[in-house]
């Protein structure tokens, strides 16, 4: 079985967004504010593309349950819930970071921007790990509703 197209593409966009965030960090460190703004907006767009693909797939196709050994399912589930929680927090922080940056509310932006970036790096890393566990290391389980895929009911 080959790797599925949509999860591969969406995971690539999360990686792209994290790479762009890292580039954005470097640019702001060098005080290249306009370049930083453009790269961080591109990172946001890449993350949004991920979300659109993921949400569309979830709505129209469903989610893939863990197909690995039963003794690892509880660890995978814990890891997945951690990833989803982190991604949700990271998305909210990302929106706030972008809005405060664009509205030049820099005192807030400078405080939460670095935190947002660190969260987003962990989201990207754990997202790639989920992808690898679901589609590369183990053959994916059945594609089904979100709750059934995560919790088995």
C-alpha atoms as a PDB file:
ATOM      1  CA  UNK A   1       0.000   0.000   0.000  1.00  0.00           C
ATOM      2  CA  UNK A   2       1.384   3.431  -0.915  1.00  0.00           C
ATOM      3  CA  UNK A   3       1.066   6.537   1.181  1.00  0.00           C
ATOM      4  CA  UNK A   4      -2.238   8.390   0.749  1.00  0.00           C
ATOM      5  CA  UNK A   5      -2.107  11.601  -1.251  1.00  0.00           C
ATOM      6  CA  UNK A   6      -4.130  14.055   0.871  1.00  0.00           C
ATOM      7  CA  UNK A   7      -2.461  13.271   4.234  1.00  0.00           C
ATOM      8  CA  UNK A   8       0.941  13.493   2.542  1.00  0.00           C
ATOM      9  CA  UNK A   9       0.137  16.877   1.007  1.00  0.00           C
ATOM     10  CA  UNK A  10      -1.380  18.269   4.209  1.00  0.00           C
ATOM     11  CA  UNK A  11       1.583  17.102   6.294  1.00  0.00           C
ATOM     12  CA  UNK A  12       3.916  18.744   3.791  1.00  0.00           C
ATOM     13  CA  UNK A  13       2.109  22.056   4.332  1.00  0.00           C
ATOM     14  CA  UNK A  14       2.593  21.830   8.106  1.00  0.00           C
ATOM     15  CA  UNK A  15       6.311  21.231   7.550  1.00  0.00           C
ATOM     16  CA  UNK A  16       6.442  24.140   5.093  1.00  0.00           C
ATOM     17  CA  UNK A  17       4.724  26.399   7.629  1.00  0.00           C
ATOM     18  CA  UNK A  18       7.230  25.453  10.340  1.00  0.00           C
ATOM     19  CA  UNK A  19      10.189  26.041   8.003  1.00  0.00           C
ATOM     20  CA  UNK A  20       8.750  29.446   7.104  1.00  0.00           C
ATOM     21  CA  UNK A  21       8.319  30.292  10.800  1.00  0.00           C
ATOM     22  CA  UNK A  22      11.994  29.425  11.356  1.00  0.00           C
ATOM     23  CA  UNK A  23      12.977  31.667   8.431  1.00  0.00           C
ATOM     24  CA  UNK A  24      10.758  34.397   9.864  1.00  0.00           C
ATOM     25  CA  UNK A  25      12.574  34.137  13.199  1.00  0.00           C
ATOM     26  CA  UNK A  26      15.885  34.635  11.421  1.00  0.00           C
ATOM     27  CA  UNK A  27      14.551  37.623   9.521  1.00  0.00           C
ATOM     28  CA  UNK A  28      13.228  39.428  12.587  1.00  0.00           C
ATOM     29  CA  UNK A  29      16.499  38.722  14.391  1.00  0.00           C
ATOM     30  CA  UNK A  30      18.208  40.580  11.531  1.00  0.00           C
ATOM     31  CA  UNK A  31      15.593  43.377  11.836  1.00  0.00           C
ATOM     32  CA  UNK A  32      14.215  42.699   8.350  1.00  0.00           C
ATOM     33  CA  UNK A  33      10.673  43.566   9.403  1.00  0.00           C
ATOM     34  CA  UNK A  34       8.933  43.616   6.004  1.00  0.00           C
ATOM     35  CA  UNK A  35      10.513  40.316   4.955  1.00  0.00           C
ATOM     36  CA  UNK A  36       9.577  38.856   8.373  1.00  0.00           C
ATOM     37  CA  UNK A  37       5.966  39.959   7.874  1.00  0.00           C
ATOM     38  CA  UNK A  38       5.754  38.388   4.396  1.00  0.00           C
ATOM     39  CA  UNK A  39       7.333  35.102   5.455  1.00  0.00           C
ATOM     40  CA  UNK A  40       5.178  34.799   8.579  1.00  0.00           C
ATOM     41  CA  UNK A  41       2.038  35.495   6.545  1.00  0.00           C
ATOM     42  CA  UNK A  42       3.156  32.794   4.105  1.00  0.00           C
ATOM     43  CA  UNK A  43       3.598  30.449   7.096  1.00  0.00           C
ATOM     44  CA  UNK A  44       0.041  31.266   8.147  1.00  0.00           C
ATOM     45  CA  UNK A  45      -1.234  30.576   4.632  1.00  0.00           C
ATOM     46  CA  UNK A  46       0.599  27.219   4.566  1.00  0.00           C
ATOM     47  CA  UNK A  47      -0.966  26.310   7.917  1.00  0.00           C
ATOM     48  CA  UNK A  48      -4.389  27.372   6.606  1.00  0.00           C
ATOM     49  CA  UNK A  49      -3.947  25.203   3.498  1.00  0.00           C
ATOM     50  CA  UNK A  50      -3.118  22.289   5.794  1.00  0.00           C
ATOM     51  CA  UNK A  51      -6.265  22.942   7.803  1.00  0.00           C
ATOM     52  CA  UNK A  52      -8.484  23.198   4.705  1.00  0.00           C
ATOM     53  CA  UNK A  53      -7.166  19.895   3.349  1.00  0.00           C
ATOM     54  CA  UNK A  54      -7.425  18.211   6.764  1.00  0.00           C
ATOM     55  CA  UNK A  55     -10.941  19.509   7.486  1.00  0.00           C
ATOM     56  CA  UNK A  56     -12.170  18.632   3.978  1.00  0.00           C
ATOM     57  CA  UNK A  57     -10.775  15.140   4.258  1.00  0.00           C
ATOM     58  CA  UNK A  58     -12.279  14.711   7.723  1.00  0.00           C
ATOM     59  CA  UNK A  59     -15.711  15.920   6.585  1.00  0.00           C
ATOM     60  CA  UNK A  60     -15.905  14.107   3.264  1.00  0.00           C
ATOM     61  CA  UNK A  61     -13.777  10.993   3.791  1.00  0.00           C
ATOM     62  CA  UNK A  62     -13.244  10.557   7.530  1.00  0.00           C
ATOM     63  CA  UNK A  63     -10.163   9.951   9.656  1.00  0.00           C
ATOM     64  CA  UNK A  64      -7.871   6.952   9.638  1.00  0.00           C
ATOM     65  CA  UNK A  65      -7.638   4.961  12.834  1.00  0.00           C
ATOM     66  CA  UNK A  66      -4.331   3.647  14.176  1.00  0.00           C
ATOM     67  CA  UNK A  67      -3.414   0.415  12.418  1.00  0.00           C
ATOM     68  CA  UNK A  68      -0.442  -0.515  14.578  1.00  0.00           C
ATOM     69  CA  UNK A  69      -0.263  -3.095  17.345  1.00  0.00           C
ATOM     70  CA  UNK A  70      -3.047  -3.002  19.944  1.00  0.00           C
ATOM     71  CA  UNK A  71      -0.522  -2.669  22.782  1.00  0.00           C
ATOM     72  CA  UNK A  72       0.646   0.669  21.314  1.00  0.00           C
ATOM     73  CA  UNK A  73      -2.844   2.106  20.707  1.00  0.00           C
ATOM     74  CA  UNK A  74      -3.131   3.740  24.156  1.00  0.00           C
ATOM     75  CA  UNK A  75       0.237   5.492  23.683  1.00  0.00           C
ATOM     76  CA  UNK A  76      -0.677   6.565  20.168  1.00  0.00           C
ATOM     77  CA  UNK A  77      -4.037   7.899  21.391  1.00  0.00           C
ATOM     78  CA  UNK A  78      -2.375   9.898  24.175  1.00  0.00           C
ATOM     79  CA  UNK A  79       0.152  11.271  21.684  1.00  0.00           C
ATOM     80  CA  UNK A  80      -2.593  12.140  19.175  1.00  0.00           C
ATOM     81  CA  UNK A  81      -4.691  13.974  21.783  1.00  0.00           C
ATOM     82  CA  UNK A  82      -1.544  15.884  22.832  1.00  0.00           C
ATOM     83  CA  UNK A  83      -0.902  16.810  19.177  1.00  0.00           C
ATOM     84  CA  UNK A  84      -4.501  17.914  18.557  1.00  0.00           C
ATOM     85  CA  UNK A  85      -4.525  20.026  21.739  1.00  0.00           C
ATOM     86  CA  UNK A  86      -1.182  21.594  20.860  1.00  0.00           C
ATOM     87  CA  UNK A  87      -2.337  22.284  17.299  1.00  0.00           C
ATOM     88  CA  UNK A  88      -5.510  23.963  18.535  1.00  0.00           C
ATOM     89  CA  UNK A  89      -3.608  26.143  21.013  1.00  0.00           C
ATOM     90  CA  UNK A  90      -0.975  26.869  18.352  1.00  0.00           C
ATOM     91  CA  UNK A  91      -3.627  27.902  15.822  1.00  0.00           C
ATOM     92  CA  UNK A  92      -5.249  30.321  18.279  1.00  0.00           C
ATOM     93  CA  UNK A  93      -1.858  31.754  19.253  1.00  0.00           C
ATOM     94  CA  UNK A  94      -0.964  31.959  15.557  1.00  0.00           C
ATOM     95  CA  UNK A  95      -4.055  33.990  14.721  1.00  0.00           C
ATOM     96  CA  UNK A  96      -3.423  36.322  17.669  1.00  0.00           C
ATOM     97  CA  UNK A  97       0.250  36.668  16.684  1.00  0.00           C
ATOM     98  CA  UNK A  98      -0.619  37.525  13.093  1.00  0.00           C
ATOM     99  CA  UNK A  99      -3.334  40.005  14.072  1.00  0.00           C
ATOM    100  CA  UNK A 100      -1.186  41.752  16.689  1.00  0.00           C
ATOM    101  CA  UNK A 101       1.713  41.932  14.252  1.00  0.00           C
ATOM    102  CA  UNK A 102      -0.418  43.386  11.465  1.00  0.00           C
ATOM    103  CA  UNK A 103      -2.063  45.896  13.807  1.00  0.00           C
ATOM    104  CA  UNK A 104       1.395  46.815  15.151  1.00  0.00           C
ATOM    105  CA  UNK A 105       0.449  45.913  18.708  1.00  0.00           C
ATOM    106  CA  UNK A 106       4.078  45.004  19.127  1.00  0.00           C
ATOM    107  CA  UNK A 107       4.200  44.747  22.918  1.00  0.00           C
ATOM    108  CA  UNK A 108       1.753  41.818  22.712  1.00  0.00           C
ATOM    109  CA  UNK A 109       3.217  40.463  19.477  1.00  0.00           C
ATOM    110  CA  UNK A 110       6.757  40.341  20.905  1.00  0.00           C
ATOM    111  CA  UNK A 111       5.535  38.440  23.963  1.00  0.00           C
ATOM    112  CA  UNK A 112       3.423  35.786  22.277  1.00  0.00           C
ATOM    113  CA  UNK A 113       5.184  35.502  18.904  1.00  0.00           C
ATOM    114  CA  UNK A 114       8.132  33.467  20.207  1.00  0.00           C
ATOM    115  CA  UNK A 115       5.805  31.257  22.272  1.00  0.00           C
ATOM    116  CA  UNK A 116       3.609  30.724  19.221  1.00  0.00           C
ATOM    117  CA  UNK A 117       6.623  29.747  17.139  1.00  0.00           C
ATOM    118  CA  UNK A 118       7.828  27.194  19.666  1.00  0.00           C
ATOM    119  CA  UNK A 119       4.341  25.691  19.933  1.00  0.00           C
ATOM    120  CA  UNK A 120       4.146  25.539  16.140  1.00  0.00           C
ATOM    121  CA  UNK A 121       7.479  23.718  15.884  1.00  0.00           C
ATOM    122  CA  UNK A 122       6.135  21.074  18.271  1.00  0.00           C
ATOM    123  CA  UNK A 123       2.884  20.893  16.275  1.00  0.00           C
ATOM    124  CA  UNK A 124       4.872  20.253  13.096  1.00  0.00           C
ATOM    125  CA  UNK A 125       7.094  17.626  14.720  1.00  0.00           C
ATOM    126  CA  UNK A 126       4.205  15.785  16.355  1.00  0.00           C
ATOM    127  CA  UNK A 127       2.153  16.103  13.155  1.00  0.00           C
ATOM    128  CA  UNK A 128       4.880  14.407  11.149  1.00  0.00           C
ATOM    129  CA  UNK A 129       5.107  11.716  13.833  1.00  0.00           C
ATOM    130  CA  UNK A 130       1.336  11.094  13.640  1.00  0.00           C
ATOM    131  CA  UNK A 131       1.588  10.894   9.844  1.00  0.00           C
ATOM    132  CA  UNK A 132       4.479   8.428  10.057  1.00  0.00           C
ATOM    133  CA  UNK A 133       2.675   6.259  12.619  1.00  0.00           C
ATOM    134  CA  UNK A 134      -0.561   6.250  10.604  1.00  0.00           C
ATOM    135  CA  UNK A 135       0.716   5.805   7.088  1.00  0.00           C
ATOM    136  CA  UNK A 136       4.405   4.856   6.943  1.00  0.00           C
ATOM    137  CA  UNK A 137       5.500   2.813   9.970  1.00  0.00           C
ATOM    138  CA  UNK A 138       2.161   0.992  10.254  1.00  0.00           C
ATOM    139  CA  UNK A 139      -0.509   0.495   7.672  1.00  0.00           C
ATOM    140  CA  UNK A 140      -3.425   2.782   8.463  1.00  0.00           C
ATOM    141  CA  UNK A 141      -6.498   1.297  10.055  1.00  0.00           C
ATOM    142  CA  UNK A 142     -10.026   1.831   8.861  1.00  0.00           C
ATOM    143  CA  UNK A 143     -11.084   5.303   7.745  1.00  0.00           C
ATOM    144  CA  UNK A 144     -14.009   6.370   9.879  1.00  0.00           C
ATOM    145  CA  UNK A 145     -15.457   9.222  11.934  1.00  0.00           C
ATOM    146  CA  UNK A 146     -13.150  11.365  14.066  1.00  0.00           C
ATOM    147  CA  UNK A 147     -14.315  10.027  17.448  1.00  0.00           C
ATOM    148  CA  UNK A 148     -14.159   6.411  16.340  1.00  0.00           C
ATOM    149  CA  UNK A 149     -10.696   6.923  14.819  1.00  0.00           C
ATOM    150  CA  UNK A 150      -9.332   8.461  18.040  1.00  0.00           C
ATOM    151  CA  UNK A 151     -11.162   6.615  20.779  1.00  0.00           C
ATOM    152  CA  UNK A 152     -12.496   3.506  19.059  1.00  0.00           C
ATOM    153  CA  UNK A 153     -16.214   4.263  19.549  1.00  0.00           C
END
